[in-house]
């Protein structure tokens, strides 16, 4: 399962790694994660909140596929 969550960034987080998620009205970062059917974490990636889920999911799935060679279905 692939999921993402927008979270508010603290003031000490640099502006270059933050973004504004228009859908959730959050200024911060977005966590993308991939888990297996048991809920075990396979991969995590953090991006600016204004980034798209589709592009981040493609990059994250490539990283997970390289690390877990037995992955058969995504």
C-alpha atoms as a PDB file:
ATOM      1  CA  UNK A   1       0.000   0.000   0.000  1.00  0.00           C
ATOM      2  CA  UNK A   2       1.247   3.465  -0.855  1.00  0.00           C
ATOM      3  CA  UNK A   3       0.159   6.466   1.206  1.00  0.00           C
ATOM      4  CA  UNK A   4       1.115  10.093   1.758  1.00  0.00           C
ATOM      5  CA  UNK A   5       0.516  12.513   4.602  1.00  0.00           C
ATOM      6  CA  UNK A   6       1.031  16.274   4.682  1.00  0.00           C
ATOM      7  CA  UNK A   7       2.433  17.613   7.948  1.00  0.00           C
ATOM      8  CA  UNK A   8       3.106  21.147   9.108  1.00  0.00           C
ATOM      9  CA  UNK A   9       6.808  22.013   9.242  1.00  0.00           C
ATOM     10  CA  UNK A  10       8.337  23.831  12.184  1.00  0.00           C
ATOM     11  CA  UNK A  11       9.767  27.341  11.774  1.00  0.00           C
ATOM     12  CA  UNK A  12      13.344  25.984  11.938  1.00  0.00           C
ATOM     13  CA  UNK A  13      12.785  23.916   8.762  1.00  0.00           C
ATOM     14  CA  UNK A  14      14.310  25.653   5.762  1.00  0.00           C
ATOM     15  CA  UNK A  15      11.960  27.206   3.218  1.00  0.00           C
ATOM     16  CA  UNK A  16      13.627  25.253   0.403  1.00  0.00           C
ATOM     17  CA  UNK A  17      12.324  21.935   1.806  1.00  0.00           C
ATOM     18  CA  UNK A  18       8.797  23.175   2.566  1.00  0.00           C
ATOM     19  CA  UNK A  19       5.822  23.706   0.289  1.00  0.00           C
ATOM     20  CA  UNK A  20       2.113  24.503   0.437  1.00  0.00           C
ATOM     21  CA  UNK A  21      -0.360  21.642  -0.073  1.00  0.00           C
ATOM     22  CA  UNK A  22      -3.399  23.356  -1.580  1.00  0.00           C
ATOM     23  CA  UNK A  23      -5.728  20.404  -0.987  1.00  0.00           C
ATOM     24  CA  UNK A  24      -5.101  20.258   2.767  1.00  0.00           C
ATOM     25  CA  UNK A  25      -4.051  23.887   3.302  1.00  0.00           C
ATOM     26  CA  UNK A  26      -0.795  22.797   4.969  1.00  0.00           C
ATOM     27  CA  UNK A  27       2.549  24.578   4.707  1.00  0.00           C
ATOM     28  CA  UNK A  28       5.193  21.956   5.338  1.00  0.00           C
ATOM     29  CA  UNK A  29       6.362  18.566   4.125  1.00  0.00           C
ATOM     30  CA  UNK A  30       4.764  15.419   2.775  1.00  0.00           C
ATOM     31  CA  UNK A  31       5.667  11.878   3.913  1.00  0.00           C
ATOM     32  CA  UNK A  32       5.272   9.082   1.373  1.00  0.00           C
ATOM     33  CA  UNK A  33       5.419   5.487   2.595  1.00  0.00           C
ATOM     34  CA  UNK A  34       5.078   1.973   1.189  1.00  0.00           C
ATOM     35  CA  UNK A  35       4.002  -0.944   3.388  1.00  0.00           C
ATOM     36  CA  UNK A  36       3.381  -4.633   2.690  1.00  0.00           C
ATOM     37  CA  UNK A  37       0.202  -6.601   3.424  1.00  0.00           C
ATOM     38  CA  UNK A  38       1.250  -7.051   7.064  1.00  0.00           C
ATOM     39  CA  UNK A  39       1.785  -3.319   7.495  1.00  0.00           C
ATOM     40  CA  UNK A  40       5.573  -3.595   7.635  1.00  0.00           C
ATOM     41  CA  UNK A  41       7.373  -0.535   6.316  1.00  0.00           C
ATOM     42  CA  UNK A  42       9.196  -1.075   3.013  1.00  0.00           C
ATOM     43  CA  UNK A  43      10.160   2.494   2.106  1.00  0.00           C
ATOM     44  CA  UNK A  44       9.785   6.148   3.122  1.00  0.00           C
ATOM     45  CA  UNK A  45      10.432   9.411   1.312  1.00  0.00           C
ATOM     46  CA  UNK A  46       9.945  13.026   2.476  1.00  0.00           C
ATOM     47  CA  UNK A  47       9.248  15.805  -0.029  1.00  0.00           C
ATOM     48  CA  UNK A  48       7.942  19.357   0.020  1.00  0.00           C
ATOM     49  CA  UNK A  49       4.167  19.421   0.510  1.00  0.00           C
ATOM     50  CA  UNK A  50       3.563  21.066  -2.868  1.00  0.00           C
ATOM     51  CA  UNK A  51       4.995  18.072  -4.747  1.00  0.00           C
ATOM     52  CA  UNK A  52       2.708  15.686  -6.574  1.00  0.00           C
ATOM     53  CA  UNK A  53       1.899  12.245  -5.192  1.00  0.00           C
ATOM     54  CA  UNK A  54       2.262  10.549  -8.575  1.00  0.00           C
ATOM     55  CA  UNK A  55       5.876  11.588  -9.197  1.00  0.00           C
ATOM     56  CA  UNK A  56       6.943  10.811  -5.632  1.00  0.00           C
ATOM     57  CA  UNK A  57       5.253   7.388  -5.785  1.00  0.00           C
ATOM     58  CA  UNK A  58       7.151   6.456  -8.958  1.00  0.00           C
ATOM     59  CA  UNK A  59      10.508   7.351  -7.407  1.00  0.00           C
ATOM     60  CA  UNK A  60       9.663   5.581  -4.144  1.00  0.00           C
ATOM     61  CA  UNK A  61       8.455   2.419  -5.892  1.00  0.00           C
ATOM     62  CA  UNK A  62      11.692   2.264  -7.904  1.00  0.00           C
ATOM     63  CA  UNK A  63      13.708   2.481  -4.675  1.00  0.00           C
ATOM     64  CA  UNK A  64      11.585  -0.210  -3.002  1.00  0.00           C
ATOM     65  CA  UNK A  65      11.871  -2.505  -6.035  1.00  0.00           C
ATOM     66  CA  UNK A  66      15.674  -2.204  -5.960  1.00  0.00           C
ATOM     67  CA  UNK A  67      15.835  -2.954  -2.232  1.00  0.00           C
ATOM     68  CA  UNK A  68      13.259  -5.777  -2.204  1.00  0.00           C
ATOM     69  CA  UNK A  69      13.862  -8.030  -5.201  1.00  0.00           C
ATOM     70  CA  UNK A  70      11.008 -10.399  -4.290  1.00  0.00           C
ATOM     71  CA  UNK A  71       8.377  -7.674  -4.668  1.00  0.00           C
ATOM     72  CA  UNK A  72       5.892  -9.043  -7.191  1.00  0.00           C
ATOM     73  CA  UNK A  73       2.846  -6.784  -7.217  1.00  0.00           C
ATOM     74  CA  UNK A  74       2.494  -3.057  -6.662  1.00  0.00           C
END
